[in-house]
Amino acid sequence: MKTEINWTDFEKIALHVGTIIEVKDFEAAKNPAYQVWIDFGSEIGIKKSSAQITNRYSKEDLLGKQIVAVLNFPKKQIANFQSECLILGAVPSKGDVILLATDFQVPNGTEIA
């Protein structure tokens, strides 16, 4: 178990829903990964992320899929690509990621609370 946080700590995390609009193989990554572009709606815009989700998802599976991401981490340079958000997923075992998503379609940019 990780360190307990309080409600104020949780409120600092910008969790939002977005729709994946483009996916490319990330050839320069050390571990198998995709370069992913996510539409978070008109107020937030399109953000990109590097995601090690190749074991479970094909590029075609990901297009149009709504996901949950953290938007207020600092940008991270990964090889020749700058990741702007962190796509969230459950990790039942090393290298296996199951993306977090909503049960129903919601507007891009919807905040998770």
N, C-alpha and C. Protein backbone atom coordinates (compact mmCIF):
# COMPACT_ATOMS: atom_id res chain seq x y z
N MET A 1 0.86 -1.18 0.00
CA MET A 1 0.00 0.00 0.00
C MET A 1 0.90 1.23 0.00
N LYS A 2 0.50 2.22 -0.74
CA LYS A 2 1.27 3.46 -0.82
C LYS A 2 0.87 4.40 0.32
N THR A 3 1.60 5.48 0.44
CA THR A 3 1.36 6.46 1.49
C THR A 3 -0.05 7.02 1.37
N GLU A 4 -0.74 7.13 2.49
CA GLU A 4 -2.08 7.70 2.52
C GLU A 4 -2.03 9.18 2.15
N ILE A 5 -3.00 9.60 1.33
CA ILE A 5 -3.11 11.01 0.99
C ILE A 5 -4.44 11.53 1.51
N ASN A 6 -4.58 12.85 1.55
CA ASN A 6 -5.86 13.42 1.98
C ASN A 6 -6.61 13.95 0.76
N TRP A 7 -7.83 14.43 0.98
CA TRP A 7 -8.67 14.89 -0.12
C TRP A 7 -8.01 16.04 -0.89
N THR A 8 -7.33 16.92 -0.19
CA THR A 8 -6.66 18.04 -0.84
C THR A 8 -5.60 17.53 -1.81
N ASP A 9 -4.87 16.48 -1.43
CA ASP A 9 -3.88 15.89 -2.33
C ASP A 9 -4.56 15.34 -3.59
N PHE A 10 -5.67 14.63 -3.41
CA PHE A 10 -6.39 14.04 -4.53
C PHE A 10 -6.90 15.12 -5.49
N GLU A 11 -7.38 16.22 -4.94
CA GLU A 11 -7.93 17.30 -5.76
C GLU A 11 -6.88 17.96 -6.67
N LYS A 12 -5.61 17.76 -6.37
CA LYS A 12 -4.55 18.33 -7.19
C LYS A 12 -4.35 17.57 -8.50
N ILE A 13 -4.86 16.35 -8.58
CA ILE A 13 -4.67 15.51 -9.76
C ILE A 13 -5.73 15.85 -10.80
N ALA A 14 -5.29 16.20 -12.00
CA ALA A 14 -6.21 16.51 -13.09
C ALA A 14 -6.47 15.24 -13.90
N LEU A 15 -7.55 14.55 -13.56
CA LEU A 15 -7.95 13.33 -14.25
C LEU A 15 -9.07 13.66 -15.23
N HIS A 16 -8.87 13.32 -16.50
CA HIS A 16 -9.87 13.64 -17.52
C HIS A 16 -10.04 12.49 -18.50
N VAL A 17 -11.20 12.46 -19.15
CA VAL A 17 -11.50 11.47 -20.18
C VAL A 17 -11.18 12.07 -21.54
N GLY A 18 -10.57 11.28 -22.39
CA GLY A 18 -10.29 11.70 -23.76
C GLY A 18 -10.46 10.54 -24.72
N THR A 19 -10.52 10.86 -26.01
CA THR A 19 -10.68 9.84 -27.05
C THR A 19 -9.40 9.75 -27.88
N ILE A 20 -8.92 8.54 -28.05
CA ILE A 20 -7.71 8.32 -28.85
C ILE A 20 -8.04 8.55 -30.32
N ILE A 21 -7.26 9.45 -30.95
CA ILE A 21 -7.54 9.80 -32.35
C ILE A 21 -6.43 9.38 -33.31
N GLU A 22 -5.25 9.05 -32.78
CA GLU A 22 -4.14 8.61 -33.63
C GLU A 22 -3.20 7.75 -32.82
N VAL A 23 -2.67 6.70 -33.44
CA VAL A 23 -1.73 5.79 -32.79
C VAL A 23 -0.65 5.41 -33.79
N LYS A 24 0.62 5.49 -33.35
CA LYS A 24 1.75 5.09 -34.19
C LYS A 24 2.67 4.19 -33.38
N ASP A 25 3.38 3.29 -34.07
CA ASP A 25 4.41 2.52 -33.40
C ASP A 25 5.50 3.47 -32.94
N PHE A 26 6.06 3.22 -31.75
CA PHE A 26 7.12 4.06 -31.20
C PHE A 26 8.44 3.30 -31.33
N GLU A 27 9.02 3.41 -32.51
CA GLU A 27 10.23 2.66 -32.84
C GLU A 27 11.41 3.00 -31.92
N ALA A 28 11.54 4.25 -31.48
CA ALA A 28 12.69 4.69 -30.69
C ALA A 28 12.58 4.35 -29.20
N ALA A 29 11.45 3.85 -28.76
CA ALA A 29 11.27 3.53 -27.34
C ALA A 29 12.09 2.29 -26.97
N LYS A 30 12.60 2.27 -25.72
CA LYS A 30 13.38 1.12 -25.23
C LYS A 30 12.51 -0.13 -25.15
N ASN A 31 11.29 0.04 -24.64
CA ASN A 31 10.34 -1.06 -24.50
C ASN A 31 9.22 -0.86 -25.53
N PRO A 32 8.60 -1.94 -26.00
CA PRO A 32 7.53 -1.79 -26.99
C PRO A 32 6.46 -0.80 -26.50
N ALA A 33 6.13 0.17 -27.36
CA ALA A 33 5.19 1.22 -26.98
C ALA A 33 4.56 1.83 -28.23
N TYR A 34 3.49 2.58 -27.98
CA TYR A 34 2.85 3.36 -29.02
C TYR A 34 3.01 4.84 -28.70
N GLN A 35 2.98 5.66 -29.74
CA GLN A 35 2.78 7.09 -29.61
C GLN A 35 1.29 7.30 -29.82
N VAL A 36 0.65 7.95 -28.85
CA VAL A 36 -0.81 8.07 -28.86
C VAL A 36 -1.21 9.55 -28.77
N TRP A 37 -2.15 9.97 -29.62
CA TRP A 37 -2.72 11.31 -29.58
C TRP A 37 -4.15 11.19 -29.07
N ILE A 38 -4.49 12.02 -28.07
CA ILE A 38 -5.79 11.93 -27.41
C ILE A 38 -6.48 13.28 -27.46
N ASP A 39 -7.75 13.27 -27.86
CA ASP A 39 -8.56 14.48 -27.91
C ASP A 39 -9.28 14.65 -26.57
N PHE A 40 -8.95 15.73 -25.86
CA PHE A 40 -9.57 16.03 -24.58
C PHE A 40 -10.58 17.17 -24.69
N GLY A 41 -11.09 17.42 -25.88
CA GLY A 41 -12.12 18.44 -26.07
C GLY A 41 -11.54 19.81 -26.34
N SER A 42 -12.43 20.74 -26.67
CA SER A 42 -12.00 22.07 -27.12
C SER A 42 -11.30 22.89 -26.03
N GLU A 43 -11.65 22.70 -24.77
CA GLU A 43 -11.02 23.49 -23.70
C GLU A 43 -9.59 23.04 -23.41
N ILE A 44 -9.32 21.75 -23.54
CA ILE A 44 -7.99 21.20 -23.23
C ILE A 44 -7.18 20.97 -24.49
N GLY A 45 -7.82 20.44 -25.51
CA GLY A 45 -7.14 20.18 -26.78
C GLY A 45 -6.62 18.76 -26.89
N ILE A 46 -5.70 18.58 -27.83
CA ILE A 46 -5.12 17.27 -28.10
C ILE A 46 -3.79 17.16 -27.36
N LYS A 47 -3.61 16.06 -26.67
CA LYS A 47 -2.37 15.77 -25.94
C LYS A 47 -1.81 14.46 -26.47
N LYS A 48 -0.50 14.31 -26.36
CA LYS A 48 0.13 13.07 -26.80
C LYS A 48 0.79 12.35 -25.63
N SER A 49 0.89 11.02 -25.78
CA SER A 49 1.44 10.21 -24.71
C SER A 49 2.17 9.01 -25.31
N SER A 50 3.19 8.56 -24.62
CA SER A 50 3.84 7.29 -24.94
C SER A 50 3.19 6.25 -24.04
N ALA A 51 2.77 5.13 -24.62
CA ALA A 51 2.06 4.13 -23.82
C ALA A 51 2.57 2.72 -24.13
N GLN A 52 3.00 2.02 -23.07
CA GLN A 52 3.46 0.64 -23.22
C GLN A 52 2.26 -0.30 -23.08
N ILE A 53 1.43 -0.30 -24.12
CA ILE A 53 0.19 -1.08 -24.09
C ILE A 53 0.09 -2.01 -25.30
N THR A 54 1.24 -2.36 -25.87
CA THR A 54 1.26 -3.16 -27.10
C THR A 54 0.91 -4.63 -26.86
N ASN A 55 1.06 -5.13 -25.64
CA ASN A 55 0.76 -6.55 -25.37
C ASN A 55 -0.71 -6.87 -25.53
N ARG A 56 -1.57 -5.94 -25.17
CA ARG A 56 -3.01 -6.23 -25.13
C ARG A 56 -3.78 -5.52 -26.25
N TYR A 57 -3.25 -4.41 -26.77
CA TYR A 57 -4.00 -3.59 -27.72
C TYR A 57 -3.27 -3.43 -29.04
N SER A 58 -4.01 -3.56 -30.13
CA SER A 58 -3.48 -3.21 -31.46
C SER A 58 -3.77 -1.73 -31.69
N LYS A 59 -3.11 -1.15 -32.66
CA LYS A 59 -3.37 0.26 -32.99
C LYS A 59 -4.84 0.44 -33.39
N GLU A 60 -5.37 -0.51 -34.13
CA GLU A 60 -6.75 -0.43 -34.58
C GLU A 60 -7.74 -0.50 -33.42
N ASP A 61 -7.42 -1.32 -32.40
CA ASP A 61 -8.28 -1.43 -31.20
C ASP A 61 -8.38 -0.10 -30.47
N LEU A 62 -7.33 0.68 -30.51
CA LEU A 62 -7.24 1.90 -29.71
C LEU A 62 -7.96 3.09 -30.34
N LEU A 63 -8.03 3.14 -31.66
CA LEU A 63 -8.66 4.28 -32.32
C LEU A 63 -10.12 4.42 -31.91
N GLY A 64 -10.48 5.61 -31.44
CA GLY A 64 -11.85 5.89 -31.01
C GLY A 64 -12.15 5.48 -29.59
N LYS A 65 -11.20 4.85 -28.90
CA LYS A 65 -11.41 4.39 -27.52
C LYS A 65 -11.28 5.56 -26.56
N GLN A 66 -12.23 5.67 -25.62
CA GLN A 66 -12.11 6.68 -24.57
C GLN A 66 -11.27 6.11 -23.43
N ILE A 67 -10.38 6.94 -22.92
CA ILE A 67 -9.47 6.54 -21.84
C ILE A 67 -9.49 7.60 -20.74
N VAL A 68 -8.85 7.28 -19.63
CA VAL A 68 -8.68 8.23 -18.52
C VAL A 68 -7.19 8.54 -18.42
N ALA A 69 -6.86 9.82 -18.22
CA ALA A 69 -5.45 10.21 -18.15
C ALA A 69 -5.24 11.30 -17.11
N VAL A 70 -4.01 11.36 -16.61
CA VAL A 70 -3.57 12.46 -15.74
C VAL A 70 -2.98 13.52 -16.66
N LEU A 71 -3.48 14.75 -16.53
CA LEU A 71 -3.04 15.81 -17.44
C LEU A 71 -2.05 16.80 -16.81
N ASN A 72 -1.87 16.77 -15.51
CA ASN A 72 -1.03 17.80 -14.91
C ASN A 72 0.31 17.30 -14.37
N PHE A 73 0.84 16.22 -14.95
CA PHE A 73 2.23 15.85 -14.72
C PHE A 73 3.10 16.72 -15.62
N PRO A 74 4.36 16.94 -15.26
CA PRO A 74 5.25 17.65 -16.19
C PRO A 74 5.42 16.83 -17.47
N LYS A 75 5.68 17.50 -18.58
CA LYS A 75 5.95 16.79 -19.83
C LYS A 75 7.21 15.95 -19.65
N LYS A 76 7.24 14.81 -20.34
CA LYS A 76 8.38 13.90 -20.20
C LYS A 76 8.93 13.54 -21.58
N GLN A 77 10.22 13.77 -21.76
CA GLN A 77 10.87 13.43 -23.02
C GLN A 77 11.21 11.94 -23.00
N ILE A 78 10.68 11.20 -23.97
CA ILE A 78 10.96 9.77 -24.09
C ILE A 78 11.52 9.57 -25.49
N ALA A 79 12.81 9.31 -25.56
CA ALA A 79 13.53 9.23 -26.84
C ALA A 79 13.28 10.53 -27.61
N ASN A 80 12.72 10.44 -28.81
CA ASN A 80 12.51 11.63 -29.63
C ASN A 80 11.06 12.14 -29.56
N PHE A 81 10.36 11.84 -28.48
CA PHE A 81 8.93 12.13 -28.35
C PHE A 81 8.66 12.74 -26.98
N GLN A 82 7.84 13.79 -26.95
CA GLN A 82 7.50 14.42 -25.68
C GLN A 82 6.10 13.99 -25.25
N SER A 83 6.03 13.25 -24.15
CA SER A 83 4.76 12.77 -23.61
C SER A 83 4.16 13.87 -22.74
N GLU A 84 2.87 14.21 -23.00
CA GLU A 84 2.22 15.33 -22.32
C GLU A 84 1.19 14.90 -21.28
N CYS A 85 0.89 13.61 -21.20
CA CYS A 85 -0.07 13.13 -20.22
C CYS A 85 0.21 11.67 -19.92
N LEU A 86 -0.40 11.16 -18.88
CA LEU A 86 -0.23 9.76 -18.48
C LEU A 86 -1.55 9.03 -18.61
N ILE A 87 -1.61 8.09 -19.56
CA ILE A 87 -2.80 7.26 -19.72
C ILE A 87 -2.81 6.25 -18.58
N LEU A 88 -3.97 6.09 -17.93
CA LEU A 88 -4.06 5.21 -16.77
C LEU A 88 -4.55 3.82 -17.14
N GLY A 89 -4.03 2.84 -16.42
CA GLY A 89 -4.44 1.46 -16.64
C GLY A 89 -4.18 0.61 -15.42
N ALA A 90 -4.89 -0.49 -15.34
CA ALA A 90 -4.66 -1.50 -14.31
C ALA A 90 -3.52 -2.39 -14.80
N VAL A 91 -2.64 -2.82 -13.87
CA VAL A 91 -1.48 -3.62 -14.23
C VAL A 91 -1.51 -4.92 -13.43
N PRO A 92 -2.23 -5.94 -13.95
CA PRO A 92 -2.33 -7.20 -13.21
C PRO A 92 -1.01 -7.97 -13.16
N SER A 93 -0.14 -7.75 -14.14
CA SER A 93 1.19 -8.37 -14.13
C SER A 93 2.13 -7.50 -14.96
N LYS A 94 3.42 -7.68 -14.75
CA LYS A 94 4.43 -6.85 -15.44
C LYS A 94 4.22 -6.91 -16.95
N GLY A 95 4.14 -5.74 -17.57
CA GLY A 95 3.99 -5.66 -19.01
C GLY A 95 2.57 -5.78 -19.52
N ASP A 96 1.62 -6.04 -18.63
CA ASP A 96 0.22 -6.18 -19.04
C ASP A 96 -0.57 -5.00 -18.48
N VAL A 97 -1.08 -4.15 -19.36
CA VAL A 97 -1.84 -2.97 -18.94
C VAL A 97 -3.23 -3.04 -19.53
N ILE A 98 -4.24 -2.86 -18.67
CA ILE A 98 -5.63 -2.80 -19.10
C ILE A 98 -6.09 -1.37 -18.88
N LEU A 99 -6.42 -0.69 -19.96
CA LEU A 99 -6.76 0.73 -19.89
C LEU A 99 -8.01 0.99 -19.06
N LEU A 100 -7.98 2.09 -18.29
CA LEU A 100 -9.16 2.53 -17.56
C LEU A 100 -10.05 3.32 -18.50
N ALA A 101 -11.34 3.06 -18.42
CA ALA A 101 -12.29 3.71 -19.32
C ALA A 101 -13.63 3.87 -18.59
N THR A 102 -14.52 4.65 -19.18
CA THR A 102 -15.85 4.82 -18.62
C THR A 102 -16.79 3.74 -19.17
N ASP A 103 -17.85 3.46 -18.44
CA ASP A 103 -18.85 2.49 -18.91
C ASP A 103 -19.66 3.04 -20.08
N PHE A 104 -19.85 4.36 -20.10
CA PHE A 104 -20.63 5.02 -21.14
C PHE A 104 -19.80 6.13 -21.75
N GLN A 105 -20.10 6.45 -23.01
CA GLN A 105 -19.42 7.55 -23.70
C GLN A 105 -19.73 8.86 -22.98
N VAL A 106 -18.71 9.68 -22.75
CA VAL A 106 -18.88 11.00 -22.13
C VAL A 106 -18.15 12.03 -23.00
N PRO A 107 -18.47 13.30 -22.85
CA PRO A 107 -17.76 14.31 -23.64
C PRO A 107 -16.26 14.31 -23.34
N ASN A 108 -15.45 14.49 -24.39
CA ASN A 108 -14.00 14.58 -24.19
C ASN A 108 -13.70 15.75 -23.26
N GLY A 109 -12.78 15.51 -22.33
CA GLY A 109 -12.40 16.53 -21.35
C GLY A 109 -13.14 16.38 -20.03
N THR A 110 -14.15 15.49 -19.98
CA THR A 110 -14.89 15.30 -18.73
C THR A 110 -13.92 14.98 -17.60
N GLU A 111 -14.09 15.66 -16.49
CA GLU A 111 -13.22 15.48 -15.33
C GLU A 111 -13.65 14.26 -14.53
N ILE A 112 -12.67 13.52 -14.04
CA ILE A 112 -12.90 12.40 -13.13
C ILE A 112 -12.81 12.95 -11.71
N ALA A 113 -13.83 12.67 -10.93
CA ALA A 113 -13.85 13.18 -9.54
C ALA A 113 -14.24 12.08 -8.57
